[in-house]
Protein backbone atom coordinates (compact mmCIF):
# COMPACT_ATOMS: atom_id res chain seq x y z
CA MET A 1 35.34 -15.32 -13.52
CA LYS A 2 37.70 -13.47 -15.79
CA ILE A 3 37.00 -9.83 -16.59
CA GLY A 4 35.46 -9.92 -20.03
CA ARG A 5 32.29 -9.37 -22.00
CA ILE A 6 30.08 -11.56 -19.82
CA PHE A 7 31.29 -9.87 -16.65
CA PHE A 8 30.56 -6.36 -17.94
CA ILE A 9 27.14 -7.36 -19.28
CA SER A 10 26.15 -8.83 -15.93
CA LEU A 11 27.59 -5.86 -14.06
CA PHE A 12 25.75 -3.30 -16.22
CA CYS A 13 22.40 -5.10 -16.04
CA GLY A 14 22.72 -5.69 -12.30
CA CYS A 15 23.61 -2.08 -11.49
CA VAL A 16 20.81 -0.65 -13.61
CA THR A 17 18.34 -3.08 -12.05
CA PHE A 18 19.41 -2.04 -8.55
CA VAL A 19 19.03 1.68 -9.35
CA LEU A 20 15.59 1.20 -10.94
CA LEU A 21 14.35 -0.75 -7.94
CA ILE A 22 15.50 1.93 -5.50
CA VAL A 23 13.86 4.67 -7.57
CA SER A 24 10.55 2.81 -7.98
CA MET A 25 10.33 2.00 -4.26
CA ASN A 26 10.58 5.68 -3.32
CA MET A 27 8.10 6.95 -5.90
CA PRO A 28 4.48 7.38 -4.68
CA LEU A 29 3.11 6.22 -8.02
CA HIS A 30 2.39 2.52 -7.63
CA MET A 31 -1.33 3.21 -8.02
CA VAL A 32 -2.72 6.57 -9.15
CA PHE A 33 -6.40 7.53 -9.04
CA GLU A 34 -7.95 10.71 -10.38
CA THR A 35 -11.36 11.59 -8.98
CA LYS A 36 -13.83 14.36 -9.75
CA PRO A 37 -15.60 14.92 -6.40
CA LEU A 38 -17.43 18.00 -7.70
CA ALA A 39 -18.88 16.06 -10.64
CA ARG A 40 -19.75 13.15 -8.37
CA LEU A 41 -21.59 15.44 -5.98
CA VAL A 42 -23.55 17.08 -8.80
CA LEU A 43 -24.42 13.66 -10.17
CA LEU A 44 -25.75 12.49 -6.82
CA ARG A 45 -27.92 15.62 -6.42
CA GLY A 46 -28.98 15.89 -10.05
CA THR A 47 -28.36 19.65 -10.56
CA PHE A 48 -27.01 19.33 -14.09
CA ASP A 49 -28.72 22.44 -15.44
CA ASN A 50 -26.62 24.76 -13.27
CA TRP A 51 -23.25 23.37 -14.40
CA THR A 52 -21.35 22.87 -17.59
CA ALA A 53 -18.98 20.02 -18.41
CA GLU A 54 -16.00 22.37 -18.22
CA GLN A 55 -16.94 23.53 -14.73
CA LEU A 56 -17.20 19.94 -13.55
CA GLY A 57 -13.89 18.98 -15.13
CA LEU A 58 -15.52 16.50 -17.53
CA GLU A 59 -15.82 16.04 -21.25
CA GLN A 60 -19.21 16.77 -22.78
CA SER A 61 -19.60 13.12 -23.74
CA GLU A 62 -18.93 12.10 -20.13
CA LEU A 63 -21.52 14.54 -18.84
CA ASP A 64 -24.10 13.22 -21.32
CA PHE A 65 -23.30 9.69 -20.22
CA MET A 66 -23.83 10.68 -16.59
CA LYS A 67 -27.20 12.23 -17.38
CA SER A 68 -28.41 9.23 -19.33
CA ASN A 69 -27.32 6.76 -16.65
CA ARG A 70 -28.06 8.81 -13.54
CA ASP A 71 -30.77 6.47 -12.24
CA MET A 72 -28.52 3.44 -12.53
CA PHE A 73 -25.66 5.31 -10.88
CA LEU A 74 -27.87 6.35 -7.94
CA GLU A 75 -29.11 2.78 -7.54
CA ARG A 76 -25.54 1.48 -7.29
CA ASN A 77 -24.35 4.25 -4.94
CA ARG A 78 -27.40 4.89 -2.75
CA ILE A 79 -26.19 2.73 0.14
CA PHE A 80 -22.83 4.43 0.14
CA GLY A 81 -24.39 7.91 0.20
CA GLU A 82 -26.56 7.05 3.19
CA SER A 83 -23.64 5.57 5.15
CA GLU A 84 -21.56 8.70 4.61
CA SER A 85 -24.08 11.12 6.12
CA SER A 86 -23.48 9.98 9.72
CA ASP A 87 -19.80 10.93 9.66
CA SER A 88 -20.06 14.17 7.70
CA ASP A 89 -20.09 16.66 10.59
CA GLU A 90 -16.97 15.26 12.23
CA ASN A 91 -15.10 15.06 8.94
CA ASP A 92 -15.93 18.66 8.04
CA HIS A 93 -14.34 19.94 11.26
CA GLU A 94 -11.21 17.80 11.05
CA ALA A 95 -10.34 18.35 7.38
CA ASP A 96 -7.88 21.12 6.42
CA GLY A 97 -5.78 21.98 3.40
CA SER A 98 -6.19 19.66 0.48
CA SER A 99 -7.48 16.85 2.66
CA SER A 100 -10.59 18.95 3.40
CA LEU A 101 -11.51 18.53 -0.22
CA SER A 102 -12.71 14.98 0.21
CA SER A 103 -15.96 14.49 -1.66
CA SER A 104 -17.35 12.05 0.88
CA ASP A 105 -17.55 14.82 3.48
CA GLU A 106 -19.40 17.20 1.17
CA GLU A 107 -21.78 14.50 0.01
CA GLY A 108 -22.61 13.53 3.57
CA GLY A 109 -23.05 17.14 4.65
CA VAL A 110 -25.54 17.83 1.88
CA ASP A 111 -27.52 14.69 2.54
CA SER A 112 -27.90 15.61 6.22
CA ASP A 113 -29.43 19.01 5.49
CA PRO A 114 -33.23 19.45 5.35
CA PHE A 115 -34.72 19.34 1.89
CA SER A 116 -35.95 22.95 2.13
CA ASP A 117 -32.37 24.22 2.55
CA GLU A 118 -30.90 21.79 0.03
CA GLU A 119 -30.18 24.33 -2.72
CA GLU A 120 -28.42 26.79 -0.42
CA ALA A 121 -26.33 24.07 1.25
CA MET A 122 -25.59 22.59 -2.15
CA MET A 123 -24.15 25.81 -3.53
CA PHE A 124 -22.12 26.39 -0.34
CA THR A 125 -20.64 22.93 -0.59
CA LEU A 126 -19.87 23.20 -4.30
CA ASP A 127 -17.98 26.43 -3.78
CA ASP A 128 -15.44 24.61 -1.62
CA ALA A 129 -15.41 21.31 -3.49
CA PRO A 130 -12.36 20.61 -5.68
CA VAL A 131 -12.74 19.98 -9.37
CA SER A 132 -10.38 17.01 -9.21
CA GLN A 133 -8.24 15.11 -6.77
CA ASN A 134 -5.31 12.75 -7.34
CA PHE A 135 -4.33 9.95 -5.01
CA GLU A 136 -0.79 8.72 -5.63
CA LEU A 137 -0.24 5.60 -3.54
CA GLY A 138 3.35 4.52 -2.93
CA LEU A 139 4.86 1.74 -0.88
CA PHE A 140 5.90 3.95 2.05
CA ARG A 141 4.55 7.43 1.29
CA SER A 142 1.73 8.87 -0.76
CA ARG A 143 0.55 12.19 -2.16
CA VAL A 144 -2.94 13.67 -2.23
CA CYS A 145 -3.38 16.58 -4.64
CA GLY A 146 -6.46 18.72 -5.24
CA VAL A 147 -7.31 21.27 -7.94
CA SER A 148 -9.81 23.99 -7.01
CA GLN A 149 -12.26 25.72 -9.30
CA ASN A 150 -10.00 28.74 -9.77
CA GLY A 151 -7.18 26.49 -11.01
CA ASP A 152 -5.06 26.49 -7.85
CA ASP A 153 -3.60 23.14 -6.86
CA SER A 154 -2.23 21.92 -3.57
CA CYS A 155 -0.54 18.64 -2.62
CA LEU A 156 -0.06 16.97 0.71
CA THR A 157 2.40 14.14 1.46
CA VAL A 158 0.89 11.61 3.85
CA ALA A 159 1.54 8.08 5.03
CA THR A 160 0.25 5.37 2.75
CA ASN A 161 -2.22 3.98 5.28
CA GLN A 162 -3.75 7.44 5.75
CA ALA A 163 -4.09 7.89 1.98
CA ILE A 164 -5.75 4.47 1.64
CA VAL A 165 -8.28 5.33 4.36
CA GLN A 166 -9.13 8.63 2.69
CA LEU A 167 -9.36 6.98 -0.72
CA ASN A 168 -11.71 4.30 0.57
CA ARG A 169 -13.98 6.94 2.05
CA MET A 170 -14.33 8.48 -1.36
CA LEU A 171 -14.23 5.44 -3.63
CA HIS A 172 -16.10 2.56 -2.07
CA ALA A 173 -15.38 0.29 -5.00
CA VAL A 174 -11.75 -0.10 -3.90
CA THR A 175 -12.45 -0.84 -0.24
CA ARG A 176 -12.11 -4.59 -0.71
CA GLU A 177 -9.34 -4.34 -3.28
CA ILE A 178 -6.82 -1.95 -1.67
CA ASN A 179 -5.95 -2.52 1.99
CA MET A 180 -2.92 -2.40 4.25
CA PRO A 181 -2.31 -6.21 4.42
CA MET A 182 -1.90 -6.28 0.64
CA TRP A 183 0.30 -3.18 0.79
CA ASN A 184 2.52 -4.78 3.45
CA ASN A 185 3.03 -7.79 1.18
CA LEU A 186 4.09 -5.45 -1.61
CA ARG A 187 6.64 -3.83 0.69
CA VAL A 188 8.16 -7.16 1.68
CA GLU A 189 8.39 -8.33 -1.95
CA ALA A 190 10.00 -5.06 -3.02
CA LEU A 191 12.56 -5.17 -0.21
CA PHE A 192 13.49 -8.78 -0.96
CA SER A 193 13.95 -7.97 -4.65
CA VAL A 194 16.39 -5.18 -3.75
CA LEU A 195 18.30 -7.48 -1.40
CA ALA A 196 18.46 -10.24 -4.03
CA CYS A 197 19.87 -7.81 -6.58
CA ALA A 198 22.43 -6.52 -4.06
CA PHE A 199 23.56 -10.09 -3.29
CA GLY A 200 23.86 -10.75 -7.02
CA LEU A 201 26.27 -7.82 -7.40
CA LEU A 202 28.21 -8.89 -4.33
CA PHE A 203 28.70 -12.47 -5.59
CA LEU A 204 29.60 -11.13 -9.02
CA PHE A 205 32.54 -9.17 -7.62
CA ALA A 206 33.49 -12.13 -5.40
CA SER A 207 33.83 -14.31 -8.50
CA LEU A 208 36.86 -12.30 -9.64
CA ARG A 209 39.03 -14.03 -7.04
CA PRO A 210 38.80 -17.64 -5.88
CA CYS A 211 37.22 -17.60 -2.47
CA CYS A 212 36.23 -21.23 -1.89
CA HIS A 213 37.00 -24.79 -2.97
CA ASN A 214 34.66 -24.48 -5.97
CA GLU A 215 35.90 -21.46 -7.87
CA ARG A 216 32.66 -21.15 -9.84
CA MET A 217 30.37 -21.13 -6.80
CA PRO A 218 30.16 -17.28 -6.62
CA GLU A 219 29.08 -17.22 -10.26
CA TYR A 220 26.32 -19.71 -9.58
CA LEU A 221 25.11 -17.74 -6.55
CA SER A 222 25.21 -14.47 -8.48
CA ALA A 223 23.14 -15.89 -11.34
CA LEU A 224 20.64 -17.34 -8.85
CA SER A 225 20.35 -14.02 -6.98
CA PHE A 226 19.68 -12.01 -10.15
CA PHE A 227 17.08 -14.55 -11.25
CA ALA A 228 15.36 -14.37 -7.84
CA ALA A 229 15.35 -10.56 -8.04
CA GLY A 230 13.60 -10.68 -11.41
CA VAL A 231 10.93 -13.05 -10.09
CA LEU A 232 10.33 -10.98 -6.95
CA ILE A 233 9.94 -7.82 -9.04
CA PHE A 234 7.42 -9.50 -11.30
CA ILE A 235 5.13 -10.69 -8.47
CA PRO A 236 3.99 -7.25 -7.15
CA ILE A 237 3.57 -5.98 -10.70
CA VAL A 238 1.11 -8.76 -11.48
CA ARG A 239 -0.66 -8.24 -8.16
CA LEU A 240 -1.21 -4.51 -8.77
CA LEU A 241 -2.29 -5.08 -12.37
CA LEU A 242 -4.97 -7.50 -11.19
CA VAL A 243 -6.20 -4.98 -8.61
CA SER A 244 -6.27 -2.25 -11.26
CA SER A 245 -8.29 -4.47 -13.59
CA ASP A 246 -10.84 -5.20 -10.87
CA PHE A 247 -11.09 -1.51 -10.07
CA ASP A 248 -11.82 -0.61 -13.68
CA GLN A 249 -14.51 -3.27 -13.86
CA ASN A 250 -16.15 -1.93 -10.68
CA MET A 251 -16.14 1.61 -12.00
CA HIS A 252 -17.68 0.47 -15.28
CA SER A 253 -20.38 -1.56 -13.54
CA ASN A 254 -21.22 1.49 -11.39
CA TYR A 255 -21.57 3.73 -14.49
CA ASN A 256 -19.02 6.06 -12.92
CA VAL A 257 -17.06 8.42 -15.16
CA THR A 258 -15.93 10.64 -12.30
CA THR A 259 -13.03 8.33 -11.35
CA LYS A 260 -10.27 6.81 -13.45
CA GLN A 261 -6.77 5.44 -13.12
CA LEU A 262 -3.65 7.16 -14.38
CA THR A 263 -0.36 5.66 -15.49
CA SER A 264 1.60 4.04 -12.67
CA TRP A 265 5.15 5.14 -13.42
CA SER A 266 6.54 3.13 -10.52
CA LEU A 267 5.24 -0.03 -12.15
CA VAL A 268 6.71 1.06 -15.47
CA ILE A 269 10.13 1.53 -13.88
CA SER A 270 9.85 -1.80 -12.08
CA GLY A 271 8.84 -3.46 -15.32
CA LEU A 272 12.03 -2.20 -16.97
CA ALA A 273 14.07 -3.78 -14.19
CA VAL A 274 12.63 -7.28 -14.75
CA PRO A 275 14.26 -8.09 -18.12
CA LEU A 276 17.54 -6.54 -16.97
CA ALA A 277 17.66 -8.80 -13.92
CA PHE A 278 16.94 -11.85 -16.06
CA ALA A 279 19.59 -10.74 -18.60
CA ALA A 280 22.23 -10.51 -15.86
CA SER A 281 21.34 -14.02 -14.71
CA LEU A 282 21.04 -15.66 -18.12
CA SER A 283 24.33 -14.21 -19.37
CA MET A 284 26.25 -16.04 -16.64
CA ILE A 285 24.13 -19.18 -16.96
CA THR A 286 24.79 -19.28 -20.70
CA ARG A 287 28.52 -18.84 -20.14
CA GLU A 288 28.65 -21.67 -17.60
CA TRP A 289 26.58 -23.93 -19.85
CA LYS A 290 28.90 -23.34 -22.80
CA THR A 291 31.94 -24.09 -20.66
CA LEU A 292 30.40 -27.28 -19.26
CA SER A 293 29.12 -28.54 -22.60
CA LYS A 294 32.54 -27.93 -24.19
CA LYS A 295 34.24 -30.00 -21.49
CA ILE A 296 31.75 -32.83 -21.94
CA TYR A 297 32.19 -32.75 -25.72
CA ASN A 298 35.99 -32.86 -25.53
CA LYS A 299 35.86 -35.72 -23.06
CA LEU A 300 33.58 -37.78 -25.28
CA LYS A 301 35.54 -36.98 -28.42
CA THR A 302 38.97 -38.02 -27.09
CA ARG A 303 39.42 -41.83 -26.97
CA PRO A 304 41.99 -43.34 -24.60
CA VAL A 305 45.28 -44.54 -26.18
CA ILE A 306 46.27 -48.02 -24.97
CA THR A 307 49.61 -49.67 -25.79
CA TYR A 308 49.96 -53.46 -26.07
CA PRO A 309 53.03 -55.70 -26.14
CA VAL A 310 54.05 -57.11 -29.54
CA THR A 311 55.37 -60.71 -29.90
CA ASN A 312 56.43 -62.12 -33.30
CA GLY A 313 54.38 -59.55 -35.15
CA HIS A 314 51.16 -60.21 -33.19
CA VAL A 315 49.50 -58.02 -30.59
CA GLU A 316 48.80 -59.87 -27.36
CA MET A 317 45.21 -59.17 -26.20
CA SER A 318 45.17 -61.30 -23.10
CA ASP A 319 43.83 -58.50 -21.00
CA VAL A 320 40.03 -58.45 -20.95
CA HIS A 321 40.01 -54.67 -20.69
CA ALA A 322 42.15 -54.47 -23.78
CA GLU A 323 39.69 -56.66 -25.66
CA ARG A 324 36.88 -54.20 -24.86
CA ASN A 325 39.03 -51.16 -25.67
CA PRO A 326 40.86 -51.69 -28.96
CA PRO A 327 43.73 -49.32 -29.74
CA ALA A 328 42.80 -46.00 -31.18
CA TYR A 329 45.53 -46.17 -33.83
CA VAL A 330 47.64 -48.79 -35.72
CA LEU A 331 50.77 -50.08 -33.95
CA ILE A 332 54.17 -50.39 -35.64
CA ASP A 333 56.27 -53.50 -35.04
CA PRO A 334 59.87 -52.28 -34.63
CA ALA A 335 61.24 -55.83 -35.47
CA ASP A 336 59.37 -55.98 -38.77
CA ASP A 337 61.23 -53.24 -40.68
CA GLY A 338 58.58 -50.66 -39.97
CA ASN A 339 55.71 -52.65 -41.46
CA LEU A 340 52.36 -51.74 -40.11
CA LEU A 341 50.51 -54.23 -38.00
CA PRO A 342 46.93 -54.93 -39.02
CA GLU A 343 44.44 -53.02 -36.90
CA LYS A 344 42.47 -55.33 -34.68
CA SER A 345 38.82 -55.39 -35.68
């Protein structure tokens, strides 16, 4: 490939795609959940009169919705609340820092207390419960952040599998949707997309000098690698979008306003890399197609010129091949004073 417009377009798109993929892989923002464990706990115990929407970190409309649908919410979450109570004591001793703010521990601890001491235990638990928590799940590392009632926030970087376990303890609706086998598939797809983009850049530079019998082979391999990178980027994006859609439906069916999803900036960055990878591939494919189609057109347009012997002013057409391929132009008989011979029909 000669250094020109197509080369620089492919080089720019390929380099930007590679950088975006590296950045998105290292960002713990592939899926982001914001939970309100304090509001969830109050909803499960029904002590709305002692709290305002601002204290719970909710809008007034959300609090009214929780009150009006409390019975339906309890019906959908009763099994989960009972299953949490058995593990509450152990979780309360092991949790520290922001991870001790998990709402599942507080919910279980309250449920295990006698009914006569419920109010006192409830207020003790609410004093330590965070107003909100954020779970930022990345491919290889994640962040768990909590905001306390006095406005202080703290974040903890943990492994992704640990964050998924803690998230599933709090949000039972995602237990079947988010798991480590799915996350491992996302890692493999992301790594292969980076490798495909890297090979595309390598073959692009190799096309500057002939390196094999077919001089255009590096261009073909580069276009194929960029196209494969774009496809591999698109697959995990679709997978995560489907999981996010299912999660939203589960939250809606559970009448739960204490949990919602935030913008996944890693997916946004990956989404920007998809059209750039396809642009790098299609620019070279278009160039090769134009070159090939031009060669085919010139070959079909040019007719072969065949000369025939002239005897007494007549063209001898004894050759069968000559009969099937008449001359492309009129012959001149040199013995006939330059008169033109009639073109054979």
